[in-house]
Amino acid sequence: MIYKVSYVIVGGLRRGAVINQDYPPQVGAQVELGDQLCEVMEVQELVPPMGDFAYLHVTCRPLTERMPKETPGSE
């Protein structure tokens, strides 16, 4: 499935972007939009999937630093 994702950055320097992705965005994930690193706060389905396409709206907040990636066994 191809996900057409509309990203909006709340309080960021950029307005956002529309990106085709092979995977759905997840709340809490980090995404780079241009040179702005953001955290996904909310994911909403705009319309039901049509054929091989899903249409999503994502609200993000800008981050000042990267969150550490989880590694297996690091608890």
C-alpha atoms as a PDB file:
ATOM      1  CA  MET A   1       0.000   0.000   0.000  1.00  0.00           C
ATOM      2  CA  ILE A   2       1.137   3.548  -0.663  1.00  0.00           C
ATOM      3  CA  TYR A   3       0.415   6.116   2.031  1.00  0.00           C
ATOM      4  CA  LYS A   4      -0.084   9.710   0.889  1.00  0.00           C
ATOM      5  CA  VAL A   5       0.742  11.602   4.055  1.00  0.00           C
ATOM      6  CA  SER A   6       0.082  15.276   4.706  1.00  0.00           C
ATOM      7  CA  TYR A   7       2.424  16.510   7.452  1.00  0.00           C
ATOM      8  CA  VAL A   8       1.687  19.724   9.371  1.00  0.00           C
ATOM      9  CA  ILE A   9       4.264  21.096  11.819  1.00  0.00           C
ATOM     10  CA  VAL A  10       2.729  23.014  14.726  1.00  0.00           C
ATOM     11  CA  GLY A  11       5.011  25.894  15.709  1.00  0.00           C
ATOM     12  CA  GLY A  12       7.781  24.893  13.312  1.00  0.00           C
ATOM     13  CA  LEU A  13       9.814  26.897  10.850  1.00  0.00           C
ATOM     14  CA  ARG A  14       8.336  24.913   7.952  1.00  0.00           C
ATOM     15  CA  ARG A  15       4.667  24.526   7.109  1.00  0.00           C
ATOM     16  CA  GLY A  16       4.937  20.817   6.396  1.00  0.00           C
ATOM     17  CA  ALA A  17       4.918  18.508   3.384  1.00  0.00           C
ATOM     18  CA  VAL A  18       2.967  15.917   1.445  1.00  0.00           C
ATOM     19  CA  ILE A  19       4.957  12.680   1.093  1.00  0.00           C
ATOM     20  CA  ASN A  20       4.307   9.245  -0.439  1.00  0.00           C
ATOM     21  CA  GLN A  21       5.417   6.485   1.961  1.00  0.00           C
ATOM     22  CA  ASP A  22       5.430   2.673   1.982  1.00  0.00           C
ATOM     23  CA  TYR A  23       4.523   2.563   5.683  1.00  0.00           C
ATOM     24  CA  PRO A  24       2.030   4.438   7.887  1.00  0.00           C
ATOM     25  CA  PRO A  25       3.448   7.011  10.323  1.00  0.00           C
ATOM     26  CA  GLN A  26       3.213   6.139  14.027  1.00  0.00           C
ATOM     27  CA  VAL A  27       2.550   8.451  16.983  1.00  0.00           C
ATOM     28  CA  GLY A  28       5.836   9.166  18.781  1.00  0.00           C
ATOM     29  CA  ALA A  29       7.997   8.442  15.727  1.00  0.00           C
ATOM     30  CA  GLN A  30      10.525  10.943  14.428  1.00  0.00           C
ATOM     31  CA  VAL A  31      10.369  12.259  10.882  1.00  0.00           C
ATOM     32  CA  GLU A  32      12.670  14.613   8.979  1.00  0.00           C
ATOM     33  CA  LEU A  33      10.846  17.160   6.862  1.00  0.00           C
ATOM     34  CA  GLY A  34      13.511  19.041   4.955  1.00  0.00           C
ATOM     35  CA  ASP A  35      16.006  20.124   7.600  1.00  0.00           C
ATOM     36  CA  GLN A  36      13.419  20.055  10.417  1.00  0.00           C
ATOM     37  CA  LEU A  37      13.308  17.043  12.751  1.00  0.00           C
ATOM     38  CA  CYS A  38       9.802  16.447  14.134  1.00  0.00           C
ATOM     39  CA  GLU A  39       7.877  14.091  16.407  1.00  0.00           C
ATOM     40  CA  VAL A  40       4.544  12.683  15.224  1.00  0.00           C
ATOM     41  CA  MET A  41       1.803  13.699  17.676  1.00  0.00           C
ATOM     42  CA  GLU A  42      -1.358  12.593  15.845  1.00  0.00           C
ATOM     43  CA  VAL A  43      -2.293  10.489  12.800  1.00  0.00           C
ATOM     44  CA  GLN A  44      -5.746  10.747  11.200  1.00  0.00           C
ATOM     45  CA  GLU A  45      -7.221   8.939   8.222  1.00  0.00           C
ATOM     46  CA  LEU A  46      -8.568  11.548   5.786  1.00  0.00           C
ATOM     47  CA  VAL A  47     -10.704   9.179   3.693  1.00  0.00           C
ATOM     48  CA  PRO A  48     -11.006   5.382   3.590  1.00  0.00           C
ATOM     49  CA  PRO A  49      -8.263   3.650   1.571  1.00  0.00           C
ATOM     50  CA  MET A  50      -8.915   3.549  -2.176  1.00  0.00           C
ATOM     51  CA  GLY A  51      -7.290   0.730  -4.103  1.00  0.00           C
ATOM     52  CA  ASP A  52      -3.596   0.707  -3.202  1.00  0.00           C
ATOM     53  CA  PHE A  53      -3.658   4.181  -1.617  1.00  0.00           C
ATOM     54  CA  ALA A  54      -4.350   5.426   1.906  1.00  0.00           C
ATOM     55  CA  TYR A  55      -4.654   9.131   2.700  1.00  0.00           C
ATOM     56  CA  LEU A  56      -3.428  10.308   6.113  1.00  0.00           C
ATOM     57  CA  HIS A  57      -3.001  13.613   7.932  1.00  0.00           C
ATOM     58  CA  VAL A  58      -0.209  13.892  10.494  1.00  0.00           C
ATOM     59  CA  THR A  59       0.324  16.614  13.091  1.00  0.00           C
ATOM     60  CA  CYS A  60       3.941  17.011  14.280  1.00  0.00           C
ATOM     61  CA  ARG A  61       5.905  19.135  16.692  1.00  0.00           C
ATOM     62  CA  PRO A  62       9.466  20.319  16.026  1.00  0.00           C
ATOM     63  CA  LEU A  63      12.269  18.688  18.011  1.00  0.00           C
ATOM     64  CA  THR A  64      15.524  20.310  19.015  1.00  0.00           C
ATOM     65  CA  GLU A  65      17.405  17.031  19.413  1.00  0.00           C
ATOM     66  CA  ARG A  66      17.066  13.423  18.314  1.00  0.00           C
ATOM     67  CA  MET A  67      15.568  10.888  20.687  1.00  0.00           C
ATOM     68  CA  PRO A  68      17.760   7.798  21.218  1.00  0.00           C
ATOM     69  CA  LYS A  69      16.837   4.777  19.107  1.00  0.00           C
ATOM     70  CA  GLU A  70      15.833   1.688  21.048  1.00  0.00           C
ATOM     71  CA  THR A  71      18.156  -1.251  20.671  1.00  0.00           C
ATOM     72  CA  PRO A  72      17.155  -4.838  21.444  1.00  0.00           C
ATOM     73  CA  GLY A  73      18.042  -5.853  24.985  1.00  0.00           C
ATOM     74  CA  SER A  74      18.636  -2.318  26.271  1.00  0.00           C
ATOM     75  CA  GLU A  75      16.232  -2.059  29.205  1.00  0.00           C
END
